[in-house]
PDB file of N, CA and C in Angstrom:
ATOM      1  N   UNK A   1      17.239  -9.588 -17.165  1.00  0.00           N
ATOM      2  CA  UNK A   1      16.386  -9.519 -16.006  1.00  0.00           C
ATOM      3  C   UNK A   1      15.793  -8.112 -15.848  1.00  0.00           C
ATOM      4  N   UNK A   2      16.590  -7.088 -16.084  1.00  0.00           N
ATOM      5  CA  UNK A   2      16.077  -5.726 -16.000  1.00  0.00           C
ATOM      6  C   UNK A   2      14.997  -5.509 -17.047  1.00  0.00           C
ATOM      7  N   UNK A   3      15.187  -6.100 -18.206  1.00  0.00           N
ATOM      8  CA  UNK A   3      14.202  -5.973 -19.272  1.00  0.00           C
ATOM      9  C   UNK A   3      12.856  -6.583 -18.833  1.00  0.00           C
ATOM     10  N   UNK A   4      12.869  -7.729 -18.146  1.00  0.00           N
ATOM     11  CA  UNK A   4      11.647  -8.359 -17.653  1.00  0.00           C
ATOM     12  C   UNK A   4      10.913  -7.451 -16.672  1.00  0.00           C
ATOM     13  N   UNK A   5      11.643  -6.798 -15.772  1.00  0.00           N
ATOM     14  CA  UNK A   5      11.019  -5.890 -14.802  1.00  0.00           C
ATOM     15  C   UNK A   5      10.372  -4.708 -15.504  1.00  0.00           C
ATOM     16  N   UNK A   6      11.043  -4.172 -16.528  1.00  0.00           N
ATOM     17  CA  UNK A   6      10.479  -3.054 -17.273  1.00  0.00           C
ATOM     18  C   UNK A   6       9.201  -3.458 -17.999  1.00  0.00           C
ATOM     19  N   UNK A   7       9.185  -4.662 -18.549  1.00  0.00           N
ATOM     20  CA  UNK A   7       7.989  -5.140 -19.240  1.00  0.00           C
ATOM     21  C   UNK A   7       6.822  -5.297 -18.275  1.00  0.00           C
ATOM     22  N   UNK A   8       7.071  -5.788 -17.072  1.00  0.00           N
ATOM     23  CA  UNK A   8       6.013  -5.944 -16.081  1.00  0.00           C
ATOM     24  C   UNK A   8       5.443  -4.599 -15.678  1.00  0.00           C
ATOM     25  N   UNK A   9       6.301  -3.602 -15.543  1.00  0.00           N
ATOM     26  CA  UNK A   9       5.838  -2.272 -15.154  1.00  0.00           C
ATOM     27  C   UNK A   9       4.915  -1.670 -16.207  1.00  0.00           C
ATOM     28  N   UNK A  10       5.249  -1.837 -17.483  1.00  0.00           N
ATOM     29  CA  UNK A  10       4.412  -1.241 -18.525  1.00  0.00           C
ATOM     30  C   UNK A  10       3.090  -1.978 -18.667  1.00  0.00           C
ATOM     31  N   UNK A  11       3.068  -3.254 -18.383  1.00  0.00           N
ATOM     32  CA  UNK A  11       1.834  -4.024 -18.478  1.00  0.00           C
ATOM     33  C   UNK A  11       0.866  -3.625 -17.366  1.00  0.00           C
ATOM     34  N   UNK A  12       1.373  -3.338 -16.181  1.00  0.00           N
ATOM     35  CA  UNK A  12       0.523  -3.095 -15.027  1.00  0.00           C
ATOM     36  C   UNK A  12      -0.093  -1.712 -14.986  1.00  0.00           C
ATOM     37  N   UNK A  13       0.394  -0.748 -15.711  1.00  0.00           N
ATOM     38  CA  UNK A  13      -0.281   0.546 -15.718  1.00  0.00           C
ATOM     39  C   UNK A  13       0.631   1.707 -15.402  1.00  0.00           C
ATOM     40  N   UNK A  14       0.027   2.716 -14.759  1.00  0.00           N
ATOM     41  CA  UNK A  14       0.738   3.970 -14.552  1.00  0.00           C
ATOM     42  C   UNK A  14       1.795   3.880 -13.462  1.00  0.00           C
ATOM     43  N   UNK A  15       2.511   4.975 -13.273  1.00  0.00           N
ATOM     44  CA  UNK A  15       3.633   5.013 -12.352  1.00  0.00           C
ATOM     45  C   UNK A  15       3.197   4.905 -10.900  1.00  0.00           C
ATOM     46  N   UNK A  16       4.166   4.518 -10.088  1.00  0.00           N
ATOM     47  CA  UNK A  16       3.955   4.333  -8.663  1.00  0.00           C
ATOM     48  C   UNK A  16       5.145   4.950  -7.941  1.00  0.00           C
ATOM     49  N   UNK A  17       4.878   5.695  -6.858  1.00  0.00           N
ATOM     50  CA  UNK A  17       5.989   6.265  -6.095  1.00  0.00           C
ATOM     51  C   UNK A  17       5.640   6.339  -4.625  1.00  0.00           C
ATOM     52  N   UNK A  18       6.692   6.374  -3.800  1.00  0.00           N
ATOM     53  CA  UNK A  18       6.552   6.519  -2.355  1.00  0.00           C
ATOM     54  C   UNK A  18       7.527   7.594  -1.907  1.00  0.00           C
ATOM     55  N   UNK A  19       7.028   8.548  -1.134  1.00  0.00           N
ATOM     56  CA  UNK A  19       7.864   9.587  -0.557  1.00  0.00           C
ATOM     57  C   UNK A  19       7.590   9.626   0.939  1.00  0.00           C
ATOM     58  N   UNK A  20       8.616   9.326   1.737  1.00  0.00           N
ATOM     59  CA  UNK A  20       8.456   9.347   3.183  1.00  0.00           C
ATOM     60  C   UNK A  20       9.272  10.500   3.753  1.00  0.00           C
ATOM     61  N   UNK A  21       8.652  11.262   4.639  1.00  0.00           N
ATOM     62  CA  UNK A  21       9.298  12.409   5.255  1.00  0.00           C
ATOM     63  C   UNK A  21       9.474  12.155   6.749  1.00  0.00           C
ATOM     64  N   UNK A  22      10.734  12.001   7.188  1.00  0.00           N
ATOM     65  CA  UNK A  22      11.092  11.873   8.603  1.00  0.00           C
ATOM     66  C   UNK A  22      10.311  10.785   9.335  1.00  0.00           C
ATOM     67  N   UNK A  23       9.929   9.727   8.650  1.00  0.00           N
ATOM     68  CA  UNK A  23       9.163   8.616   9.221  1.00  0.00           C
ATOM     69  C   UNK A  23       7.855   9.077   9.876  1.00  0.00           C
ATOM     70  N   UNK A  24       7.377  10.264   9.526  1.00  0.00           N
ATOM     71  CA  UNK A  24       6.152  10.812  10.095  1.00  0.00           C
ATOM     72  C   UNK A  24       5.034  10.980   9.066  1.00  0.00           C
ATOM     73  N   UNK A  25       5.392  11.038   7.799  1.00  0.00           N
ATOM     74  CA  UNK A  25       4.411  11.278   6.741  1.00  0.00           C
ATOM     75  C   UNK A  25       4.854  10.530   5.496  1.00  0.00           C
ATOM     76  N   UNK A  26       3.907   9.846   4.854  1.00  0.00           N
ATOM     77  CA  UNK A  26       4.225   9.123   3.633  1.00  0.00           C
ATOM     78  C   UNK A  26       3.184   9.460   2.575  1.00  0.00           C
ATOM     79  N   UNK A  27       3.665   9.745   1.360  1.00  0.00           N
ATOM     80  CA  UNK A  27       2.807  10.000   0.201  1.00  0.00           C
ATOM     81  C   UNK A  27       3.029   8.868  -0.786  1.00  0.00           C
ATOM     82  N   UNK A  28       1.935   8.238  -1.211  1.00  0.00           N
ATOM     83  CA  UNK A  28       2.033   7.100  -2.121  1.00  0.00           C
ATOM     84  C   UNK A  28       1.123   7.357  -3.314  1.00  0.00           C
ATOM     85  N   UNK A  29       1.647   7.160  -4.518  1.00  0.00           N
ATOM     86  CA  UNK A  29       0.843   7.263  -5.732  1.00  0.00           C
ATOM     87  C   UNK A  29       0.702   5.882  -6.355  1.00  0.00           C
ATOM     88  N   UNK A  30      -0.281   5.737  -7.219  1.00  0.00           N
ATOM     89  CA  UNK A  30      -0.556   4.446  -7.836  1.00  0.00           C
ATOM     90  C   UNK A  30      -1.466   3.583  -6.968  1.00  0.00           C
ATOM     91  N   UNK A  31      -2.135   4.202  -5.997  1.00  0.00           N
ATOM     92  CA  UNK A  31      -3.025   3.476  -5.086  1.00  0.00           C
ATOM     93  C   UNK A  31      -4.366   3.229  -5.777  1.00  0.00           C
ATOM     94  N   UNK A  32      -4.806   1.990  -5.752  1.00  0.00           N
ATOM     95  CA  UNK A  32      -6.098   1.628  -6.338  1.00  0.00           C
ATOM     96  C   UNK A  32      -7.187   1.510  -5.281  1.00  0.00           C
ATOM     97  N   UNK A  33      -6.826   1.071  -4.070  1.00  0.00           N
ATOM     98  CA  UNK A  33      -7.822   0.867  -3.023  1.00  0.00           C
ATOM     99  C   UNK A  33      -7.124   0.737  -1.672  1.00  0.00           C
ATOM    100  N   UNK A  34      -7.889   0.952  -0.609  1.00  0.00           N
ATOM    101  CA  UNK A  34      -7.424   0.695   0.752  1.00  0.00           C
ATOM    102  C   UNK A  34      -8.131  -0.573   1.204  1.00  0.00           C
ATOM    103  N   UNK A  35      -7.369  -1.640   1.423  1.00  0.00           N
ATOM    104  CA  UNK A  35      -7.942  -2.925   1.810  1.00  0.00           C
ATOM    105  C   UNK A  35      -8.411  -2.885   3.259  1.00  0.00           C
ATOM    106  N   UNK A  36      -7.581  -2.346   4.154  1.00  0.00           N
ATOM    107  CA  UNK A  36      -7.960  -2.194   5.561  1.00  0.00           C
ATOM    108  C   UNK A  36      -7.020  -1.187   6.216  1.00  0.00           C
ATOM    109  N   UNK A  37      -7.485  -0.641   7.350  1.00  0.00           N
ATOM    110  CA  UNK A  37      -6.631   0.273   8.085  1.00  0.00           C
ATOM    111  C   UNK A  37      -7.088   0.360   9.535  1.00  0.00           C
ATOM    112  N   UNK A  38      -6.137   0.620  10.407  1.00  0.00           N
ATOM    113  CA  UNK A  38      -6.392   0.962  11.800  1.00  0.00           C
ATOM    114  C   UNK A  38      -5.199   1.792  12.270  1.00  0.00           C
ATOM    115  N   UNK A  39      -5.063   2.015  13.560  1.00  0.00           N
ATOM    116  CA  UNK A  39      -4.004   2.894  14.056  1.00  0.00           C
ATOM    117  C   UNK A  39      -2.608   2.300  13.921  1.00  0.00           C
ATOM    118  N   UNK A  40      -2.506   0.984  13.690  1.00  0.00           N
ATOM    119  CA  UNK A  40      -1.184   0.365  13.605  1.00  0.00           C
ATOM    120  C   UNK A  40      -0.846  -0.197  12.228  1.00  0.00           C
ATOM    121  N   UNK A  41      -1.842  -0.364  11.356  1.00  0.00           N
ATOM    122  CA  UNK A  41      -1.590  -0.981  10.049  1.00  0.00           C
ATOM    123  C   UNK A  41      -2.506  -0.381   8.984  1.00  0.00           C
ATOM    124  N   UNK A  42      -1.921  -0.094   7.828  1.00  0.00           N
ATOM    125  CA  UNK A  42      -2.695   0.312   6.651  1.00  0.00           C
ATOM    126  C   UNK A  42      -2.287  -0.623   5.515  1.00  0.00           C
ATOM    127  N   UNK A  43      -3.268  -1.284   4.896  1.00  0.00           N
ATOM    128  CA  UNK A  43      -2.993  -2.189   3.781  1.00  0.00           C
ATOM    129  C   UNK A  43      -3.586  -1.573   2.524  1.00  0.00           C
ATOM    130  N   UNK A  44      -2.723  -1.335   1.532  1.00  0.00           N
ATOM    131  CA  UNK A  44      -3.108  -0.676   0.291  1.00  0.00           C
ATOM    132  C   UNK A  44      -2.996  -1.630  -0.888  1.00  0.00           C
ATOM    133  N   UNK A  45      -3.878  -1.473  -1.846  1.00  0.00           N
ATOM    134  CA  UNK A  45      -3.786  -2.171  -3.118  1.00  0.00           C
ATOM    135  C   UNK A  45      -3.227  -1.164  -4.107  1.00  0.00           C
ATOM    136  N   UNK A  46      -2.074  -1.485  -4.703  1.00  0.00           N
ATOM    137  CA  UNK A  46      -1.469  -0.593  -5.687  1.00  0.00           C
ATOM    138  C   UNK A  46      -1.368  -1.323  -7.015  1.00  0.00           C
ATOM    139  N   UNK A  47      -0.896  -0.604  -7.989  1.00  0.00           N
ATOM    140  CA  UNK A  47      -0.749  -1.192  -9.313  1.00  0.00           C
ATOM    141  C   UNK A  47       0.382  -2.211  -9.366  1.00  0.00           C
ATOM    142  N   UNK A  48       1.247  -2.221  -8.355  1.00  0.00           N
ATOM    143  CA  UNK A  48       2.363  -3.162  -8.321  1.00  0.00           C
ATOM    144  C   UNK A  48       2.227  -4.172  -7.194  1.00  0.00           C
ATOM    145  N   UNK A  49       1.043  -4.355  -6.658  1.00  0.00           N
ATOM    146  CA  UNK A  49       0.828  -5.306  -5.565  1.00  0.00           C
ATOM    147  C   UNK A  49       0.334  -4.596  -4.314  1.00  0.00           C
ATOM    148  N   UNK A  50       0.402  -5.296  -3.211  1.00  0.00           N
ATOM    149  CA  UNK A  50      -0.039  -4.748  -1.933  1.00  0.00           C
ATOM    150  C   UNK A  50       1.115  -4.051  -1.217  1.00  0.00           C
ATOM    151  N   UNK A  51       0.783  -2.987  -0.482  1.00  0.00           N
ATOM    152  CA  UNK A  51       1.739  -2.327   0.411  1.00  0.00           C
ATOM    153  C   UNK A  51       1.119  -2.332   1.797  1.00  0.00           C
ATOM    154  N   UNK A  52       1.889  -2.761   2.775  1.00  0.00           N
ATOM    155  CA  UNK A  52       1.448  -2.726   4.157  1.00  0.00           C
ATOM    156  C   UNK A  52       2.323  -1.738   4.912  1.00  0.00           C
ATOM    157  N   UNK A  53       1.688  -0.748   5.521  1.00  0.00           N
ATOM    158  CA  UNK A  53       2.375   0.219   6.374  1.00  0.00           C
ATOM    159  C   UNK A  53       2.129  -0.179   7.821  1.00  0.00           C
ATOM    160  N   UNK A  54       3.200  -0.286   8.593  1.00  0.00           N
ATOM    161  CA  UNK A  54       3.087  -0.568  10.019  1.00  0.00           C
ATOM    162  C   UNK A  54       3.563   0.667  10.767  1.00  0.00           C
ATOM    163  N   UNK A  55       2.883   1.013  11.847  1.00  0.00           N
ATOM    164  CA  UNK A  55       3.294   2.178  12.600  1.00  0.00           C
ATOM    165  C   UNK A  55       2.496   2.361  13.872  1.00  0.00           C
ATOM    166  N   UNK A  56       2.635   3.552  14.436  1.00  0.00           N
ATOM    167  CA  UNK A  56       1.965   3.922  15.675  1.00  0.00           C
ATOM    168  C   UNK A  56       1.148   5.169  15.405  1.00  0.00           C
ATOM    169  N   UNK A  57      -0.103   5.152  15.824  1.00  0.00           N
ATOM    170  CA  UNK A  57      -1.016   6.286  15.669  1.00  0.00           C
ATOM    171  C   UNK A  57      -1.130   6.717  14.202  1.00  0.00           C
ATOM    172  N   UNK A  58      -1.300   5.743  13.308  1.00  0.00           N
ATOM    173  CA  UNK A  58      -1.421   6.037  11.876  1.00  0.00           C
ATOM    174  C   UNK A  58      -2.815   6.561  11.557  1.00  0.00           C
ATOM    175  N   UNK A  59      -2.871   7.524  10.672  1.00  0.00           N
ATOM    176  CA  UNK A  59      -4.149   7.988  10.144  1.00  0.00           C
ATOM    177  C   UNK A  59      -3.952   8.448   8.701  1.00  0.00           C
ATOM    178  N   UNK A  60      -5.010   8.313   7.923  1.00  0.00           N
ATOM    179  CA  UNK A  60      -4.986   8.711   6.523  1.00  0.00           C
ATOM    180  C   UNK A  60      -5.467  10.153   6.447  1.00  0.00           C
ATOM    181  N   UNK A  61      -4.582  11.041   6.037  1.00  0.00           N
ATOM    182  CA  UNK A  61      -4.958  12.450   5.968  1.00  0.00           C
ATOM    183  C   UNK A  61      -5.503  12.841   4.595  1.00  0.00           C
ATOM    184  N   UNK A  62      -5.161  12.063   3.548  1.00  0.00           N
ATOM    185  CA  UNK A  62      -5.700  12.334   2.218  1.00  0.00           C
ATOM    186  C   UNK A  62      -5.796  11.028   1.450  1.00  0.00           C
ATOM    187  N   UNK A  63      -6.940  10.840   0.791  1.00  0.00           N
ATOM    188  CA  UNK A  63      -7.133   9.686  -0.065  1.00  0.00           C
ATOM    189  C   UNK A  63      -7.921  10.130  -1.285  1.00  0.00           C
ATOM    190  N   UNK A  64      -7.313   9.987  -2.452  1.00  0.00           N
ATOM    191  CA  UNK A  64      -7.972  10.319  -3.707  1.00  0.00           C
ATOM    192  C   UNK A  64      -7.749   9.144  -4.661  1.00  0.00           C
ATOM    193  N   UNK A  65      -8.735   8.251  -4.737  1.00  0.00           N
ATOM    194  CA  UNK A  65      -8.582   7.064  -5.566  1.00  0.00           C
ATOM    195  C   UNK A  65      -8.659   7.383  -7.051  1.00  0.00           C
ATOM    196  N   UNK A  66      -9.322   8.487  -7.431  1.00  0.00           N
ATOM    197  CA  UNK A  66      -9.361   8.869  -8.841  1.00  0.00           C
ATOM    198  C   UNK A  66      -7.968   9.221  -9.345  1.00  0.00           C
ATOM    199  N   UNK A  67      -7.180   9.886  -8.503  1.00  0.00           N
ATOM    200  CA  UNK A  67      -5.801  10.229  -8.862  1.00  0.00           C
ATOM    201  C   UNK A  67      -4.814   9.177  -8.381  1.00  0.00           C
ATOM    202  N   UNK A  68      -5.270   8.232  -7.558  1.00  0.00           N
ATOM    203  CA  UNK A  68      -4.394   7.181  -7.049  1.00  0.00           C
ATOM    204  C   UNK A  68      -3.430   7.666  -5.991  1.00  0.00           C
ATOM    205  N   UNK A  69      -3.847   8.627  -5.161  1.00  0.00           N
ATOM    206  CA  UNK A  69      -2.931   9.222  -4.190  1.00  0.00           C
ATOM    207  C   UNK A  69      -3.428   9.003  -2.760  1.00  0.00           C
ATOM    208  N   UNK A  70      -2.484   8.679  -1.878  1.00  0.00           N
ATOM    209  CA  UNK A  70      -2.763   8.542  -0.455  1.00  0.00           C
ATOM    210  C   UNK A  70      -1.668   9.235   0.332  1.00  0.00           C
ATOM    211  N   UNK A  71      -2.059   9.948   1.390  1.00  0.00           N
ATOM    212  CA  UNK A  71      -1.105  10.523   2.337  1.00  0.00           C
ATOM    213  C   UNK A  71      -1.485  10.015   3.715  1.00  0.00           C
ATOM    214  N   UNK A  72      -0.532   9.412   4.406  1.00  0.00           N
ATOM    215  CA  UNK A  72      -0.755   8.904   5.757  1.00  0.00           C
ATOM    216  C   UNK A  72       0.254   9.553   6.696  1.00  0.00           C
ATOM    217  N   UNK A  73      -0.189   9.763   7.933  1.00  0.00           N
ATOM    218  CA  UNK A  73       0.673  10.372   8.938  1.00  0.00           C
ATOM    219  C   UNK A  73       0.676   9.525  10.193  1.00  0.00           C
ATOM    220  N   UNK A  74       1.731   9.645  10.979  1.00  0.00           N
ATOM    221  CA  UNK A  74       1.930   8.889  12.201  1.00  0.00           C
ATOM    222  C   UNK A  74       3.387   8.475  12.275  1.00  0.00           C
ATOM    223  N   UNK A  75       3.718   7.619  13.214  1.00  0.00           N
ATOM    224  CA  UNK A  75       5.098   7.143  13.341  1.00  0.00           C
ATOM    225  C   UNK A  75       5.241   5.859  12.532  1.00  0.00           C
ATOM    226  N   UNK A  76       5.970   5.934  11.416  1.00  0.00           N
ATOM    227  CA  UNK A  76       6.137   4.791  10.516  1.00  0.00           C
ATOM    228  C   UNK A  76       7.211   3.860  11.074  1.00  0.00           C
ATOM    229  N   UNK A  77       6.870   2.588  11.171  1.00  0.00           N
ATOM    230  CA  UNK A  77       7.799   1.583  11.662  1.00  0.00           C
ATOM    231  C   UNK A  77       8.325   0.720  10.519  1.00  0.00           C
ATOM    232  N   UNK A  78       7.437   0.355   9.579  1.00  0.00           N
ATOM    233  CA  UNK A  78       7.847  -0.503   8.461  1.00  0.00           C
ATOM    234  C   UNK A  78       6.921  -0.288   7.281  1.00  0.00           C
ATOM    235  N   UNK A  79       7.455  -0.549   6.087  1.00  0.00           N
ATOM    236  CA  UNK A  79       6.706  -0.519   4.851  1.00  0.00           C
ATOM    237  C   UNK A  79       7.062  -1.797   4.114  1.00  0.00           C
ATOM    238  N   UNK A  80       6.051  -2.573   3.744  1.00  0.00           N
ATOM    239  CA  UNK A  80       6.308  -3.877   3.148  1.00  0.00           C
ATOM    240  C   UNK A  80       5.492  -4.055   1.877  1.00  0.00           C
ATOM    241  N   UNK A  81       6.148  -4.530   0.818  1.00  0.00           N
ATOM    242  CA  UNK A  81       5.475  -4.900  -0.424  1.00  0.00           C
ATOM    243  C   UNK A  81       5.137  -6.389  -0.390  1.00  0.00           C
ATOM    244  N   UNK A  82       4.045  -6.756  -1.029  1.00  0.00           N
ATOM    245  CA  UNK A  82       3.753  -8.166  -1.275  1.00  0.00           C
ATOM    246  C   UNK A  82       2.989  -8.266  -2.587  1.00  0.00           C
ATOM    247  N   UNK A  83       3.186  -9.388  -3.278  1.00  0.00           N
ATOM    248  CA  UNK A  83       2.484  -9.607  -4.544  1.00  0.00           C
ATOM    249  C   UNK A  83       1.016  -9.859  -4.267  1.00  0.00           C
ATOM    250  N   UNK A  84       0.178  -9.589  -5.246  1.00  0.00           N
ATOM    251  CA  UNK A  84      -1.261  -9.766  -5.062  1.00  0.00           C
ATOM    252  C   UNK A  84      -1.617 -11.217  -4.781  1.00  0.00           C
ATOM    253  N   UNK A  85      -0.961 -12.168  -5.420  1.00  0.00           N
ATOM    254  CA  UNK A  85      -1.264 -13.581  -5.184  1.00  0.00           C
ATOM    255  C   UNK A  85      -0.946 -13.963  -3.750  1.00  0.00           C
ATOM    256  N   UNK A  86       0.172 -13.470  -3.234  1.00  0.00           N
ATOM    257  CA  UNK A  86       0.577 -13.769  -1.859  1.00  0.00           C
ATOM    258  C   UNK A  86      -0.409 -13.174  -0.864  1.00  0.00           C
ATOM    259  N   UNK A  87      -0.816 -11.934  -1.074  1.00  0.00           N
ATOM    260  CA  UNK A  87      -1.722 -11.258  -0.142  1.00  0.00           C
ATOM    261  C   UNK A  87      -3.100 -11.902  -0.151  1.00  0.00           C
ATOM    262  N   UNK A  88      -3.580 -12.330  -1.305  1.00  0.00           N
ATOM    263  CA  UNK A  88      -4.895 -12.971  -1.366  1.00  0.00           C
ATOM    264  C   UNK A  88      -4.896 -14.278  -0.594  1.00  0.00           C
ATOM    265  N   UNK A  89      -3.784 -14.969  -0.588  1.00  0.00           N
ATOM    266  CA  UNK A  89      -3.704 -16.230   0.132  1.00  0.00           C
ATOM    267  C   UNK A  89      -3.666 -16.075   1.636  1.00  0.00           C
ATOM    268  N   UNK A  90      -3.495 -14.887   2.138  1.00  0.00           N
ATOM    269  CA  UNK A  90      -3.396 -14.663   3.574  1.00  0.00           C
ATOM    270  C   UNK A  90      -4.745 -14.395   4.213  1.00  0.00           C
ATOM    271  N   UNK A  91      -5.847 -14.647   3.540  1.00  0.00           N
ATOM    272  CA  UNK A  91      -7.160 -14.453   4.139  1.00  0.00           C
ATOM    273  C   UNK A  91      -7.555 -13.004   4.189  1.00  0.00           C
ATOM    274  N   UNK A  92      -7.506 -12.326   3.061  1.00  0.00           N
ATOM    275  CA  UNK A  92      -7.827 -10.903   3.039  1.00  0.00           C
ATOM    276  C   UNK A  92      -9.326 -10.644   2.957  1.00  0.00           C
ATOM    277  N   UNK A  93     -10.141 -11.715   2.980  1.00  0.00           N
ATOM    278  CA  UNK A  93     -11.586 -11.540   3.002  1.00  0.00           C
ATOM    279  C   UNK A  93     -12.057 -11.140   4.394  1.00  0.00           C
ATOM    280  N   UNK A  94     -13.363 -10.999   4.549  1.00  0.00           N
ATOM    281  CA  UNK A  94     -13.942 -10.567   5.814  1.00  0.00           C
ATOM    282  C   UNK A  94     -13.586 -11.515   6.954  1.00  0.00           C
ATOM    283  N   UNK A  95     -13.740 -12.832   6.747  1.00  0.00           N
ATOM    284  CA  UNK A  95     -13.414 -13.781   7.807  1.00  0.00           C
ATOM    285  C   UNK A  95     -11.926 -13.775   8.121  1.00  0.00           C
ATOM    286  N   UNK A  96     -11.099 -13.619   7.107  1.00  0.00           N
ATOM    287  CA  UNK A  96      -9.657 -13.552   7.327  1.00  0.00           C
ATOM    288  C   UNK A  96      -9.279 -12.339   8.167  1.00  0.00           C
ATOM    289  N   UNK A  97      -9.944 -11.216   7.956  1.00  0.00           N
ATOM    290  CA  UNK A  97      -9.676 -10.005   8.723  1.00  0.00           C
ATOM    291  C   UNK A  97     -10.141 -10.153  10.172  1.00  0.00           C
ATOM    292  N   UNK A  98     -11.253 -10.838  10.368  1.00  0.00           N
ATOM    293  CA  UNK A  98     -11.777 -11.012  11.724  1.00  0.00           C
ATOM    294  C   UNK A  98     -10.864 -11.883  12.580  1.00  0.00           C
ATOM    295  N   UNK A  99     -10.201 -12.858  11.959  1.00  0.00           N
ATOM    296  CA  UNK A  99      -9.398 -13.802  12.710  1.00  0.00           C
ATOM    297  C   UNK A  99      -7.905 -13.540  12.638  1.00  0.00           C
ATOM    298  N   UNK A 100      -7.497 -12.341  12.291  1.00  0.00           N
ATOM    299  CA  UNK A 100      -6.062 -11.995  12.258  1.00  0.00           C
ATOM    300  C   UNK A 100      -5.530 -11.886  13.653  1.00  0.00           C
TER     301      UNK A 100
END
């Protein structure tokens, strides 16, 4: 099983990491795009699927898609991974975002 996880990681591309400091600042690498964001939720597309950050007064202080790096600040409440197939099924298009 560990071998299967390693194979998936090498197929999907470069490394991915998350560093959270005191639930106030998070640095994420391997970011491909920002799907949506507001003061309470940031949804990221990474090389390993979607990441959803939930919090209070969230803001993106740095975004460099060429390097795949994002830094967000605010009060972090939760960080959730989801597979790309699962996230696409949740209505991530324009109409899906309007009716959330």
